[in-house]
Amino acid sequence: MTWRIVPMQRRHLAGFQALLDAVARERRYLAFLEAPVLAETRRFVLANLRRNAPQYIALDGDAVVGWCDVVPRPRETLRHGGVLGMGVAPSHRGRGIGSALLQQTIAASTGRGITRIELVVRADNHAAINLYRRHRFYLEGRLREYLVVDGESHDALQMARLA
């Protein structure tokens, strides 16, 4: 194993941005088709760092090859919950990186008092759905025609994990 899981830091921003863009451009896994501009990505990462949100990356050498974060809900009545986002570089899929990222991020989330982690995943992303199920995420509902990519509608699944 040449990769390792570490907390996100400012110095990882460019690598995170590049990976986010690469995964988005696959047009299959994320709700956007390209990464936000670097300034917006920087605001997102720095805001998460300020509020100590669980935010981890996988590094292979110095290259960012995966990420996982849980963004806590802002309202007082929802603060026990957060929204999960993650991705792994195509070149590094199938090596256990997603599972390791999830395990670390879930543990950090629980340690910060987050007892509900939710996500939305495309219904045809069977590898991700199976990964989430292995980590005790359960189906809460189907979101019909949730995404439209290149004129084609795709259903998504709402999943959540309770501590």
Protein backbone atom coordinates (compact mmCIF):
# COMPACT_ATOMS: atom_id res chain seq x y z
CA MET A 1 0.00 0.00 0.00
CA THR A 2 1.60 3.27 -1.11
CA TRP A 3 -1.26 5.57 -0.19
CA ARG A 4 -2.20 7.05 3.18
CA ILE A 5 -5.18 8.88 4.71
CA VAL A 6 -4.50 12.30 6.24
CA PRO A 7 -6.57 15.28 7.37
CA MET A 8 -7.11 17.91 4.68
CA GLN A 9 -4.79 20.89 4.96
CA ARG A 10 -4.47 24.15 3.04
CA ARG A 11 -1.48 22.82 1.13
CA HIS A 12 -3.70 20.11 -0.42
CA LEU A 13 -6.07 22.59 -2.07
CA ALA A 14 -4.65 22.44 -5.60
CA GLY A 15 -4.52 18.65 -5.61
CA PHE A 16 -8.02 18.41 -4.18
CA GLN A 17 -9.31 20.85 -6.81
CA ALA A 18 -7.68 18.85 -9.63
CA LEU A 19 -9.12 15.55 -8.37
CA LEU A 20 -12.56 17.06 -7.81
CA ASP A 21 -12.51 18.33 -11.39
CA ALA A 22 -11.35 14.98 -12.80
CA VAL A 23 -14.11 13.04 -11.01
CA ALA A 24 -16.76 15.62 -11.95
CA ARG A 25 -15.74 15.45 -15.62
CA GLU A 26 -16.48 11.72 -15.64
CA ARG A 27 -20.10 12.93 -15.66
CA ARG A 28 -21.22 9.98 -13.51
CA TYR A 29 -20.48 10.43 -9.86
CA LEU A 30 -21.04 14.00 -8.73
CA ALA A 31 -23.91 16.47 -8.95
CA PHE A 32 -21.72 18.86 -10.94
CA LEU A 33 -19.90 18.30 -14.22
CA GLU A 34 -16.76 20.26 -13.41
CA ALA A 35 -15.22 21.51 -10.20
CA PRO A 36 -16.18 24.95 -8.95
CA VAL A 37 -13.57 27.63 -9.59
CA LEU A 38 -10.56 27.42 -7.29
CA ALA A 39 -11.68 30.40 -5.18
CA GLU A 40 -14.99 28.66 -4.39
CA THR A 41 -13.27 25.37 -3.61
CA ARG A 42 -10.84 27.24 -1.36
CA ARG A 43 -13.75 28.86 0.53
CA PHE A 44 -15.38 25.45 1.00
CA VAL A 45 -12.21 23.78 2.32
CA LEU A 46 -11.18 26.69 4.55
CA ALA A 47 -14.69 26.99 6.03
CA ASN A 48 -14.58 23.29 6.86
CA LEU A 49 -11.16 23.67 8.44
CA ARG A 50 -12.36 26.61 10.57
CA ARG A 51 -15.33 24.69 11.92
CA ASN A 52 -13.27 21.50 12.37
CA ALA A 53 -15.47 19.55 9.97
CA PRO A 54 -14.31 15.99 9.22
CA GLN A 55 -12.36 16.30 5.98
CA TYR A 56 -9.79 13.71 4.87
CA ILE A 57 -7.80 12.98 1.75
CA ALA A 58 -5.89 10.01 0.41
CA LEU A 59 -2.36 10.73 -0.73
CA ASP A 60 -0.21 8.59 -3.01
CA GLY A 61 3.14 10.27 -2.50
CA ASP A 62 2.18 13.93 -2.74
CA ALA A 63 -0.75 13.37 -5.13
CA VAL A 64 -4.31 13.68 -3.83
CA VAL A 65 -6.06 10.50 -5.00
CA GLY A 66 -9.20 10.57 -2.85
CA TRP A 67 -11.26 12.70 -0.49
CA CYS A 68 -14.10 12.33 1.97
CA ASP A 69 -15.80 15.00 4.04
CA VAL A 70 -18.87 15.44 6.18
CA VAL A 71 -20.26 18.96 6.17
CA PRO A 72 -22.29 19.56 9.34
CA ARG A 73 -25.76 21.03 8.98
CA PRO A 74 -25.79 24.70 10.05
CA ARG A 75 -29.09 24.94 11.93
CA GLU A 76 -29.21 24.12 15.62
CA THR A 77 -31.96 21.52 15.21
CA LEU A 78 -29.96 19.73 12.48
CA ARG A 79 -26.40 20.03 13.86
CA HIS A 80 -26.33 16.38 14.83
CA GLY A 81 -26.26 15.61 11.09
CA GLY A 82 -23.96 16.17 8.18
CA VAL A 83 -23.73 15.54 4.45
CA LEU A 84 -21.08 13.21 3.07
CA GLY A 85 -19.10 13.89 -0.08
CA MET A 86 -16.34 11.72 -1.47
CA GLY A 87 -14.46 10.60 -4.54
CA VAL A 88 -11.47 8.52 -5.57
CA ALA A 89 -9.26 8.95 -8.63
CA PRO A 90 -10.09 6.46 -11.39
CA SER A 91 -6.50 5.19 -11.27
CA HIS A 92 -6.84 4.30 -7.58
CA ARG A 93 -10.30 2.74 -7.38
CA GLY A 94 -10.66 -0.82 -6.12
CA ARG A 95 -7.73 -0.55 -3.69
CA GLY A 96 -9.66 0.06 -0.46
CA ILE A 97 -9.10 3.82 -0.46
CA GLY A 98 -12.82 4.66 -0.39
CA SER A 99 -13.39 2.33 2.53
CA ALA A 100 -10.41 3.73 4.46
CA LEU A 101 -11.56 7.30 3.80
CA LEU A 102 -15.09 6.50 4.93
CA GLN A 103 -13.90 4.75 8.08
CA GLN A 104 -11.70 7.68 9.11
CA THR A 105 -14.31 10.32 8.27
CA ILE A 106 -17.12 8.47 10.05
CA ALA A 107 -14.97 8.06 13.17
CA ALA A 108 -14.07 11.76 13.15
CA SER A 109 -17.71 12.73 12.60
CA THR A 110 -18.89 10.64 15.53
CA GLY A 111 -16.13 12.16 17.66
CA ARG A 112 -17.48 15.61 16.82
CA GLY A 113 -21.04 14.71 17.82
CA ILE A 114 -22.41 14.04 14.34
CA THR A 115 -24.78 11.12 14.77
CA ARG A 116 -26.49 11.20 11.35
CA ILE A 117 -24.54 11.19 8.09
CA GLU A 118 -26.50 11.38 4.87
CA LEU A 119 -25.68 11.27 1.18
CA VAL A 120 -27.21 11.13 -2.27
CA VAL A 121 -25.79 8.65 -4.80
CA ARG A 122 -26.78 7.90 -8.37
CA ALA A 123 -28.91 4.75 -8.45
CA ASP A 124 -26.68 3.17 -11.11
CA ASN A 125 -23.47 3.66 -9.08
CA HIS A 126 -23.51 0.12 -7.70
CA ALA A 127 -19.91 0.14 -6.46
CA ALA A 128 -20.54 3.22 -4.30
CA ILE A 129 -23.89 1.92 -3.05
CA ASN A 130 -22.25 -1.35 -1.98
CA LEU A 131 -19.45 0.56 -0.27
CA TYR A 132 -21.95 2.68 1.67
CA ARG A 133 -23.95 -0.39 2.67
CA ARG A 134 -20.79 -2.04 4.02
CA HIS A 135 -20.34 1.04 6.20
CA ARG A 136 -23.90 0.82 7.60
CA PHE A 137 -25.62 3.37 5.36
CA TYR A 138 -29.23 2.47 4.71
CA LEU A 139 -31.60 3.41 1.92
CA GLU A 140 -34.08 6.10 2.89
CA GLY A 141 -35.64 6.76 -0.47
CA ARG A 142 -35.40 6.98 -4.22
CA LEU A 143 -35.19 10.40 -5.86
CA ARG A 144 -36.73 9.94 -9.29
CA GLU A 145 -35.15 11.80 -12.21
CA TYR A 146 -32.91 13.60 -9.72
CA LEU A 147 -30.10 14.37 -12.16
CA VAL A 148 -30.06 15.15 -15.86
CA VAL A 149 -26.73 14.62 -17.61
CA ASP A 150 -26.44 15.16 -21.37
CA GLY A 151 -30.23 15.10 -21.65
CA GLU A 152 -30.59 11.76 -19.83
CA SER A 153 -32.41 11.54 -16.48
CA HIS A 154 -30.94 9.52 -13.62
CA ASP A 155 -32.53 8.44 -10.37
CA ALA A 156 -30.59 8.83 -7.13
CA LEU A 157 -30.79 7.18 -3.74
CA GLN A 158 -30.96 9.02 -0.44
CA MET A 159 -28.95 7.07 2.13
CA ALA A 160 -28.06 7.73 5.75
CA ARG A 161 -26.08 6.24 8.59
CA LEU A 162 -26.94 6.68 12.25
CA ALA A 163 -24.23 6.42 14.92
